C-alpha cells in the first residue's frame, strides 16, 4: 500500500508531474492589479493597471528551459551527476516556474493538487501500462485549461 513517507522517495514521479505542469499548465497566465504607481525595469506602471504574466510563453522560452518543446522530466532532478543526466536543472530563475502562481495570492490548493497527481499517477502506473497513440493533446483556455476533444489513453493491465 502507498504510504505518506513513500512520497518523499519518488523524485522522478515529482519531476514528471512538474514537467507535465510546465508543458500543460493549469492556467495560461497569472494576472495581478498594481495597487500603487510602480516603476519596473524602467517602465512606469500606474496604479490600477492589470499586469499579466504569460505562463505558457515563459514555460516555452529557451532562456529559462532548454529544449522547451520536449518532455524532459530529468530537468527537475536537482542532485544528479551531469554525466548521468545532462538535462538536470542545476540552477533556474526562481520565478520561471509558477503554474500555481506565487506570493499571497498563489493557489491555496497547490500542494493538495500536486499530492493528488502524485498519488494518482503512482497508483495508476503500478497497475497499468499507459499509452497514447494520437496527435498531441490540445487544450482550450478557460479559467482553468481543459482538454479539447476526447482524451484517448490506452490502459493495459499489468
N, C-alpha and C. Protein backbone atom coordinates (compact mmCIF):
# COMPACT_ATOMS: atom_id res chain seq x y z
N UNK A 1 0.82 -1.20 0.00
CA UNK A 1 0.00 0.00 0.00
C UNK A 1 0.86 1.27 0.00
N UNK A 2 0.34 2.29 -0.60
CA UNK A 2 1.04 3.57 -0.67
C UNK A 2 0.94 4.28 0.67
N UNK A 3 2.11 4.69 1.20
CA UNK A 3 2.14 5.39 2.48
C UNK A 3 2.75 6.77 2.28
N UNK A 4 2.42 7.69 3.17
CA UNK A 4 2.85 9.08 3.00
C UNK A 4 4.37 9.22 2.95
N UNK A 5 5.11 8.43 3.72
CA UNK A 5 6.57 8.56 3.71
C UNK A 5 7.17 8.10 2.38
N UNK A 6 6.44 7.30 1.62
CA UNK A 6 6.94 6.84 0.32
C UNK A 6 7.00 7.99 -0.70
N UNK A 7 6.15 8.98 -0.52
CA UNK A 7 6.07 10.07 -1.50
C UNK A 7 7.37 10.88 -1.55
N UNK A 8 8.12 10.89 -0.46
CA UNK A 8 9.38 11.64 -0.46
C UNK A 8 10.51 10.87 -1.14
N UNK A 9 10.29 9.60 -1.43
CA UNK A 9 11.33 8.79 -2.06
C UNK A 9 11.07 8.58 -3.55
N UNK A 10 10.21 9.40 -4.13
CA UNK A 10 9.90 9.27 -5.56
C UNK A 10 10.19 10.58 -6.29
N UNK A 11 11.46 10.99 -6.36
CA UNK A 11 11.78 12.27 -7.01
C UNK A 11 11.45 12.28 -8.50
N UNK A 12 11.56 11.13 -9.16
CA UNK A 12 11.28 11.11 -10.60
C UNK A 12 9.78 11.32 -10.86
N UNK A 13 8.94 10.77 -10.01
CA UNK A 13 7.50 10.99 -10.14
C UNK A 13 7.19 12.48 -9.99
N UNK A 14 7.77 13.12 -8.99
CA UNK A 14 7.57 14.56 -8.79
C UNK A 14 8.08 15.34 -10.01
N UNK A 15 9.20 14.90 -10.59
CA UNK A 15 9.76 15.55 -11.78
C UNK A 15 8.81 15.41 -12.97
N UNK A 16 8.17 14.26 -13.11
CA UNK A 16 7.21 14.04 -14.20
C UNK A 16 6.01 14.97 -14.03
N UNK A 17 5.51 15.09 -12.81
CA UNK A 17 4.38 15.98 -12.54
C UNK A 17 4.77 17.43 -12.85
N UNK A 18 5.95 17.86 -12.41
CA UNK A 18 6.38 19.24 -12.66
C UNK A 18 6.54 19.51 -14.16
N UNK A 19 7.13 18.56 -14.87
CA UNK A 19 7.32 18.75 -16.31
C UNK A 19 5.98 18.77 -17.03
N UNK A 20 5.04 17.95 -16.59
CA UNK A 20 3.69 17.96 -17.18
C UNK A 20 3.02 19.31 -16.95
N UNK A 21 3.15 19.85 -15.75
CA UNK A 21 2.56 21.15 -15.45
C UNK A 21 3.27 22.28 -16.19
N UNK A 22 4.55 22.09 -16.49
CA UNK A 22 5.26 23.11 -17.29
C UNK A 22 4.73 23.10 -18.72
N UNK A 23 4.53 21.91 -19.27
CA UNK A 23 4.08 21.83 -20.66
C UNK A 23 2.58 22.11 -20.80
N UNK A 24 1.82 21.71 -19.80
CA UNK A 24 0.36 21.91 -19.82
C UNK A 24 -0.06 22.54 -18.50
N UNK A 25 0.21 23.83 -18.31
CA UNK A 25 -0.12 24.46 -17.03
C UNK A 25 -1.64 24.53 -16.81
N UNK A 26 -2.06 24.54 -15.55
CA UNK A 26 -3.49 24.62 -15.26
C UNK A 26 -4.13 25.89 -15.83
N UNK A 27 -3.35 26.96 -15.94
CA UNK A 27 -3.85 28.22 -16.46
C UNK A 27 -2.80 28.81 -17.40
N UNK A 28 -3.23 29.61 -18.36
CA UNK A 28 -2.30 30.20 -19.32
C UNK A 28 -1.54 31.38 -18.75
N UNK A 29 -2.11 32.03 -17.73
CA UNK A 29 -1.48 33.24 -17.24
C UNK A 29 -1.85 33.50 -15.79
N UNK A 30 -1.08 34.38 -15.20
CA UNK A 30 -1.40 34.95 -13.88
C UNK A 30 -1.63 36.43 -14.09
N UNK A 31 -2.60 36.99 -13.40
CA UNK A 31 -2.87 38.42 -13.54
C UNK A 31 -2.96 39.05 -12.15
N UNK A 32 -2.36 40.21 -12.04
CA UNK A 32 -2.45 40.99 -10.82
C UNK A 32 -2.72 42.44 -11.19
N UNK A 33 -3.26 43.19 -10.27
CA UNK A 33 -3.51 44.62 -10.48
C UNK A 33 -2.57 45.41 -9.58
N UNK A 34 -1.88 46.37 -10.18
CA UNK A 34 -0.99 47.24 -9.40
C UNK A 34 -1.85 48.08 -8.46
N UNK A 35 -1.52 48.05 -7.19
CA UNK A 35 -2.30 48.80 -6.20
C UNK A 35 -1.75 50.21 -6.00
N UNK A 36 -0.56 50.46 -6.53
CA UNK A 36 0.06 51.78 -6.44
C UNK A 36 0.92 51.99 -7.68
N UNK A 37 1.35 53.22 -7.90
CA UNK A 37 2.25 53.51 -9.02
C UNK A 37 3.56 52.77 -8.80
N UNK A 38 4.06 52.13 -9.87
CA UNK A 38 5.29 51.35 -9.78
C UNK A 38 6.23 51.73 -10.91
N UNK A 39 7.50 51.49 -10.68
CA UNK A 39 8.49 51.55 -11.75
C UNK A 39 9.13 50.18 -11.78
N UNK A 40 8.98 49.49 -12.89
CA UNK A 40 9.50 48.13 -13.03
C UNK A 40 10.40 48.06 -14.25
N UNK A 41 11.66 47.80 -14.03
CA UNK A 41 12.63 47.68 -15.13
C UNK A 41 12.63 48.93 -16.01
N UNK A 42 12.44 50.07 -15.39
CA UNK A 42 12.45 51.32 -16.13
C UNK A 42 11.09 51.73 -16.70
N UNK A 43 10.09 50.89 -16.58
CA UNK A 43 8.75 51.20 -17.08
C UNK A 43 7.89 51.73 -15.94
N UNK A 44 7.16 52.79 -16.20
CA UNK A 44 6.25 53.32 -15.20
C UNK A 44 4.90 52.63 -15.36
N UNK A 45 4.42 52.08 -14.28
CA UNK A 45 3.15 51.36 -14.29
C UNK A 45 2.21 52.08 -13.33
N UNK A 46 1.14 52.69 -13.87
CA UNK A 46 0.20 53.41 -13.00
C UNK A 46 -0.62 52.46 -12.13
N UNK A 47 -1.04 52.95 -10.99
CA UNK A 47 -1.93 52.18 -10.11
C UNK A 47 -3.17 51.77 -10.89
N UNK A 48 -3.75 50.65 -10.51
CA UNK A 48 -4.96 50.09 -11.13
C UNK A 48 -4.70 49.49 -12.52
N UNK A 49 -3.44 49.31 -12.89
CA UNK A 49 -3.10 48.67 -14.16
C UNK A 49 -3.06 47.16 -13.96
N UNK A 50 -3.69 46.41 -14.89
CA UNK A 50 -3.63 44.95 -14.82
C UNK A 50 -2.32 44.49 -15.43
N UNK A 51 -1.61 43.65 -14.69
CA UNK A 51 -0.34 43.09 -15.13
C UNK A 51 -0.54 41.60 -15.40
N UNK A 52 -0.08 41.14 -16.55
CA UNK A 52 -0.29 39.75 -16.94
C UNK A 52 1.06 39.06 -17.10
N UNK A 53 1.19 37.90 -16.47
CA UNK A 53 2.36 37.07 -16.61
C UNK A 53 1.95 35.87 -17.46
N UNK A 54 2.44 35.82 -18.69
CA UNK A 54 2.10 34.73 -19.62
C UNK A 54 2.88 33.48 -19.29
N UNK A 55 2.27 32.54 -18.57
CA UNK A 55 2.96 31.32 -18.15
C UNK A 55 3.40 30.47 -19.32
N UNK A 56 2.53 30.26 -20.29
CA UNK A 56 2.85 29.39 -21.42
C UNK A 56 4.05 29.93 -22.17
N UNK A 57 4.12 31.24 -22.35
CA UNK A 57 5.26 31.83 -23.05
C UNK A 57 6.53 31.65 -22.24
N UNK A 58 6.46 31.87 -20.96
CA UNK A 58 7.63 31.72 -20.10
C UNK A 58 8.08 30.26 -20.04
N UNK A 59 7.13 29.33 -19.90
CA UNK A 59 7.47 27.91 -19.79
C UNK A 59 8.05 27.36 -21.09
N UNK A 60 7.81 28.06 -22.20
CA UNK A 60 8.33 27.61 -23.50
C UNK A 60 9.47 28.48 -24.01
N UNK A 61 10.05 29.27 -23.14
CA UNK A 61 11.15 30.15 -23.51
C UNK A 61 12.48 29.43 -23.26
N UNK A 62 13.29 29.22 -24.32
CA UNK A 62 14.58 28.53 -24.14
C UNK A 62 15.54 29.28 -23.21
N UNK A 63 15.26 30.54 -22.95
CA UNK A 63 16.05 31.32 -21.99
C UNK A 63 15.93 30.70 -20.59
N UNK A 64 14.77 30.11 -20.30
CA UNK A 64 14.53 29.52 -18.99
C UNK A 64 14.58 28.00 -18.99
N UNK A 65 14.17 27.38 -20.10
CA UNK A 65 14.11 25.92 -20.18
C UNK A 65 14.71 25.46 -21.50
N UNK A 66 15.84 24.76 -21.41
CA UNK A 66 16.48 24.22 -22.60
C UNK A 66 15.54 23.21 -23.27
N UNK A 67 15.45 23.27 -24.60
CA UNK A 67 14.56 22.39 -25.38
C UNK A 67 13.15 22.40 -24.79
N UNK A 68 12.51 23.55 -24.76
CA UNK A 68 11.22 23.67 -24.06
C UNK A 68 10.08 22.85 -24.66
N UNK A 69 10.15 22.48 -25.93
CA UNK A 69 9.05 21.72 -26.52
C UNK A 69 9.18 20.22 -26.25
N UNK A 70 10.28 19.80 -25.62
CA UNK A 70 10.48 18.39 -25.32
C UNK A 70 10.10 18.08 -23.88
N UNK A 71 9.50 16.91 -23.70
CA UNK A 71 9.13 16.44 -22.36
C UNK A 71 10.37 15.81 -21.73
N UNK A 72 10.99 16.54 -20.81
CA UNK A 72 12.24 16.09 -20.17
C UNK A 72 12.09 16.23 -18.66
N UNK A 73 11.49 15.24 -18.00
CA UNK A 73 11.33 15.32 -16.54
C UNK A 73 12.65 15.45 -15.80
N UNK A 74 13.71 14.93 -16.38
CA UNK A 74 15.02 14.98 -15.72
C UNK A 74 15.48 16.39 -15.42
N UNK A 75 14.93 17.37 -16.14
CA UNK A 75 15.34 18.76 -15.88
C UNK A 75 14.99 19.20 -14.46
N UNK A 76 14.10 18.48 -13.78
CA UNK A 76 13.69 18.85 -12.42
C UNK A 76 14.44 18.07 -11.35
N UNK A 77 15.31 17.16 -11.76
CA UNK A 77 16.11 16.42 -10.78
C UNK A 77 17.31 17.28 -10.41
N UNK A 78 17.46 17.56 -9.17
CA UNK A 78 18.46 18.53 -8.72
C UNK A 78 19.85 17.93 -8.53
N UNK A 79 20.00 16.96 -7.70
CA UNK A 79 21.33 16.48 -7.34
C UNK A 79 21.69 15.23 -8.14
N UNK A 80 21.85 15.44 -9.43
CA UNK A 80 22.16 14.34 -10.33
C UNK A 80 23.46 14.67 -11.04
N UNK A 81 24.30 13.66 -11.18
CA UNK A 81 25.56 13.82 -11.90
C UNK A 81 25.25 14.20 -13.34
N UNK A 82 25.89 15.25 -13.85
CA UNK A 82 25.62 15.74 -15.20
C UNK A 82 25.93 14.69 -16.26
N UNK A 83 26.90 13.82 -16.00
CA UNK A 83 27.21 12.75 -16.96
C UNK A 83 26.06 11.74 -17.01
N UNK A 84 25.44 11.49 -15.87
CA UNK A 84 24.31 10.56 -15.81
C UNK A 84 23.07 11.21 -16.43
N UNK A 85 22.86 12.47 -16.13
CA UNK A 85 21.66 13.17 -16.58
C UNK A 85 22.02 14.59 -17.01
N UNK A 86 22.35 14.79 -18.30
CA UNK A 86 22.77 16.12 -18.75
C UNK A 86 21.66 17.16 -18.69
N UNK A 87 20.40 16.74 -18.57
CA UNK A 87 19.29 17.69 -18.54
C UNK A 87 18.97 18.20 -17.15
N UNK A 88 19.63 17.64 -16.14
CA UNK A 88 19.36 18.02 -14.77
C UNK A 88 19.49 19.54 -14.59
N UNK A 89 18.50 20.13 -13.94
CA UNK A 89 18.43 21.57 -13.75
C UNK A 89 19.32 21.97 -12.57
N UNK A 90 20.44 22.59 -12.86
CA UNK A 90 21.36 22.98 -11.79
C UNK A 90 20.86 24.25 -11.10
N UNK A 91 20.53 25.24 -11.89
CA UNK A 91 20.01 26.48 -11.35
C UNK A 91 18.93 26.97 -12.31
N UNK A 92 17.94 27.58 -11.77
CA UNK A 92 16.89 28.15 -12.62
C UNK A 92 16.46 29.46 -11.99
N UNK A 93 15.82 30.27 -12.80
CA UNK A 93 15.28 31.52 -12.29
C UNK A 93 14.17 31.16 -11.31
N UNK A 94 14.17 31.73 -10.10
CA UNK A 94 13.19 31.32 -9.09
C UNK A 94 11.73 31.59 -9.49
N UNK A 95 11.51 32.45 -10.47
CA UNK A 95 10.13 32.75 -10.88
C UNK A 95 9.83 32.25 -12.29
N UNK A 96 10.64 31.34 -12.82
CA UNK A 96 10.40 30.83 -14.17
C UNK A 96 9.36 29.72 -14.19
N UNK A 97 9.06 29.14 -13.04
CA UNK A 97 8.09 28.05 -12.97
C UNK A 97 7.05 28.38 -11.91
N UNK A 98 5.89 28.85 -12.36
CA UNK A 98 4.83 29.26 -11.43
C UNK A 98 3.45 28.77 -11.90
N UNK A 99 3.25 27.47 -12.06
CA UNK A 99 1.95 27.02 -12.57
C UNK A 99 0.78 27.31 -11.64
N UNK A 100 1.07 27.55 -10.37
CA UNK A 100 0.01 27.84 -9.40
C UNK A 100 0.12 29.26 -8.85
N UNK A 101 0.89 30.11 -9.52
CA UNK A 101 1.04 31.48 -9.06
C UNK A 101 2.11 31.56 -7.98
N UNK A 102 2.16 32.72 -7.32
CA UNK A 102 3.19 32.95 -6.30
C UNK A 102 2.72 34.02 -5.32
N UNK A 103 3.31 34.00 -4.16
CA UNK A 103 3.03 35.04 -3.17
C UNK A 103 1.72 34.84 -2.45
N UNK A 104 1.18 35.92 -1.94
CA UNK A 104 -0.03 35.83 -1.10
C UNK A 104 -1.25 35.36 -1.89
N UNK A 105 -1.21 35.45 -3.21
CA UNK A 105 -2.38 35.05 -4.00
C UNK A 105 -2.15 33.77 -4.79
N UNK A 106 -1.17 32.96 -4.39
CA UNK A 106 -0.96 31.72 -5.10
C UNK A 106 -2.12 30.77 -4.81
N UNK A 107 -2.27 29.76 -5.62
CA UNK A 107 -3.37 28.81 -5.46
C UNK A 107 -3.27 28.08 -4.13
N UNK A 108 -4.29 28.23 -3.31
CA UNK A 108 -4.28 27.59 -1.99
C UNK A 108 -4.31 26.08 -2.09
N UNK A 109 -4.77 25.56 -3.20
CA UNK A 109 -4.85 24.11 -3.38
C UNK A 109 -3.62 23.50 -4.03
N UNK A 110 -2.56 24.30 -4.20
CA UNK A 110 -1.35 23.85 -4.90
C UNK A 110 -0.82 22.53 -4.36
N UNK A 111 -0.52 22.47 -3.09
CA UNK A 111 0.10 21.27 -2.53
C UNK A 111 -0.84 20.08 -2.58
N UNK A 112 -2.13 20.31 -2.35
CA UNK A 112 -3.10 19.21 -2.43
C UNK A 112 -3.18 18.70 -3.86
N UNK A 113 -3.24 19.62 -4.83
CA UNK A 113 -3.30 19.22 -6.24
C UNK A 113 -2.06 18.42 -6.63
N UNK A 114 -0.88 18.88 -6.21
CA UNK A 114 0.35 18.15 -6.54
C UNK A 114 0.35 16.76 -5.89
N UNK A 115 -0.07 16.68 -4.63
CA UNK A 115 -0.12 15.37 -3.96
C UNK A 115 -1.13 14.45 -4.62
N UNK A 116 -2.29 14.98 -5.00
CA UNK A 116 -3.29 14.14 -5.67
C UNK A 116 -2.75 13.60 -6.99
N UNK A 117 -2.07 14.45 -7.75
CA UNK A 117 -1.47 14.00 -9.00
C UNK A 117 -0.43 12.90 -8.76
N UNK A 118 0.43 13.11 -7.77
CA UNK A 118 1.47 12.13 -7.47
C UNK A 118 0.86 10.80 -7.01
N UNK A 119 -0.12 10.85 -6.14
CA UNK A 119 -0.77 9.63 -5.66
C UNK A 119 -1.50 8.93 -6.80
N UNK A 120 -2.25 9.68 -7.59
CA UNK A 120 -2.99 9.10 -8.71
C UNK A 120 -2.05 8.41 -9.70
N UNK A 121 -1.01 9.12 -10.11
CA UNK A 121 -0.08 8.56 -11.10
C UNK A 121 0.66 7.35 -10.54
N UNK A 122 1.10 7.43 -9.29
CA UNK A 122 1.83 6.29 -8.71
C UNK A 122 0.94 5.06 -8.60
N UNK A 123 -0.32 5.24 -8.25
CA UNK A 123 -1.24 4.10 -8.18
C UNK A 123 -1.58 3.57 -9.58
N UNK A 124 -1.75 4.47 -10.51
CA UNK A 124 -2.10 4.07 -11.88
C UNK A 124 -1.00 3.25 -12.53
N UNK A 125 0.26 3.72 -12.43
CA UNK A 125 1.33 3.02 -13.13
C UNK A 125 1.74 1.71 -12.45
N UNK A 126 1.27 1.50 -11.24
CA UNK A 126 1.51 0.19 -10.60
C UNK A 126 0.61 -0.89 -11.20
N UNK A 127 -0.52 -0.48 -11.76
CA UNK A 127 -1.49 -1.46 -12.26
C UNK A 127 -1.63 -1.47 -13.78
N UNK A 128 -1.22 -0.38 -14.44
CA UNK A 128 -1.44 -0.28 -15.87
C UNK A 128 -0.22 0.27 -16.60
N UNK A 129 -0.07 -0.18 -17.83
CA UNK A 129 0.84 0.48 -18.76
C UNK A 129 -0.06 1.47 -19.50
N UNK A 130 0.35 2.72 -19.57
CA UNK A 130 -0.49 3.76 -20.17
C UNK A 130 0.16 4.19 -21.49
N UNK A 131 -0.64 4.18 -22.55
CA UNK A 131 -0.14 4.56 -23.88
C UNK A 131 -1.02 5.63 -24.49
N UNK A 132 -0.41 6.41 -25.39
CA UNK A 132 -1.11 7.45 -26.14
C UNK A 132 -0.70 7.29 -27.61
N UNK A 133 -1.64 7.00 -28.47
CA UNK A 133 -1.34 6.77 -29.89
C UNK A 133 -2.06 7.77 -30.78
N UNK A 134 -2.08 9.01 -30.36
CA UNK A 134 -2.82 10.03 -31.09
C UNK A 134 -1.96 11.27 -31.25
N UNK A 135 -2.49 12.25 -31.95
CA UNK A 135 -1.75 13.50 -32.10
C UNK A 135 -1.61 14.18 -30.73
N UNK A 136 -0.74 15.18 -30.67
CA UNK A 136 -0.53 15.88 -29.41
C UNK A 136 -1.84 16.40 -28.84
N UNK A 137 -1.96 16.33 -27.54
CA UNK A 137 -3.14 16.81 -26.84
C UNK A 137 -3.26 18.32 -26.99
N UNK A 138 -4.43 18.77 -27.33
CA UNK A 138 -4.70 20.21 -27.42
C UNK A 138 -5.62 20.57 -26.26
N UNK A 139 -5.55 21.80 -25.85
CA UNK A 139 -6.45 22.24 -24.79
C UNK A 139 -6.95 23.64 -25.11
N UNK A 140 -8.10 23.96 -24.51
CA UNK A 140 -8.64 25.29 -24.71
C UNK A 140 -8.59 26.06 -23.40
N UNK A 141 -8.31 27.34 -23.57
CA UNK A 141 -8.15 28.20 -22.41
C UNK A 141 -9.51 28.56 -21.83
N UNK A 142 -9.61 28.41 -20.56
CA UNK A 142 -10.78 28.85 -19.79
C UNK A 142 -10.18 29.38 -18.48
N UNK A 143 -10.97 29.53 -17.47
CA UNK A 143 -10.40 29.93 -16.18
C UNK A 143 -9.29 28.94 -15.80
N UNK A 144 -9.58 27.67 -16.02
CA UNK A 144 -8.60 26.59 -15.90
C UNK A 144 -8.60 25.87 -17.23
N UNK A 145 -7.42 25.57 -17.77
CA UNK A 145 -7.33 24.92 -19.07
C UNK A 145 -8.00 23.55 -19.05
N UNK A 146 -8.69 23.21 -20.14
CA UNK A 146 -9.35 21.92 -20.24
C UNK A 146 -9.00 21.29 -21.58
N UNK A 147 -8.92 19.95 -21.63
CA UNK A 147 -8.61 19.28 -22.91
C UNK A 147 -9.67 19.61 -23.95
N UNK A 148 -9.22 19.73 -25.18
CA UNK A 148 -10.13 19.97 -26.29
C UNK A 148 -10.33 18.63 -26.99
N UNK A 149 -11.55 18.14 -27.00
CA UNK A 149 -11.83 16.84 -27.60
C UNK A 149 -11.62 15.72 -26.60
N UNK A 150 -11.62 14.50 -27.13
CA UNK A 150 -11.51 13.32 -26.27
C UNK A 150 -10.07 13.09 -25.82
N UNK A 151 -9.93 12.58 -24.63
CA UNK A 151 -8.63 12.18 -24.11
C UNK A 151 -8.60 10.66 -24.21
N UNK A 152 -7.82 10.14 -25.16
CA UNK A 152 -7.88 8.71 -25.51
C UNK A 152 -6.64 7.94 -25.08
N UNK A 153 -6.43 7.80 -23.80
CA UNK A 153 -5.34 6.98 -23.32
C UNK A 153 -5.71 5.51 -23.49
N UNK A 154 -4.71 4.67 -23.66
CA UNK A 154 -4.93 3.23 -23.69
C UNK A 154 -4.33 2.68 -22.39
N UNK A 155 -5.13 1.95 -21.63
CA UNK A 155 -4.68 1.37 -20.38
C UNK A 155 -4.57 -0.14 -20.55
N UNK A 156 -3.37 -0.68 -20.31
CA UNK A 156 -3.12 -2.11 -20.45
C UNK A 156 -2.81 -2.65 -19.06
N UNK A 157 -3.67 -3.55 -18.58
CA UNK A 157 -3.50 -4.09 -17.22
C UNK A 157 -2.20 -4.87 -17.13
N UNK A 158 -1.44 -4.63 -16.06
CA UNK A 158 -0.17 -5.34 -15.86
C UNK A 158 -0.40 -6.67 -15.18
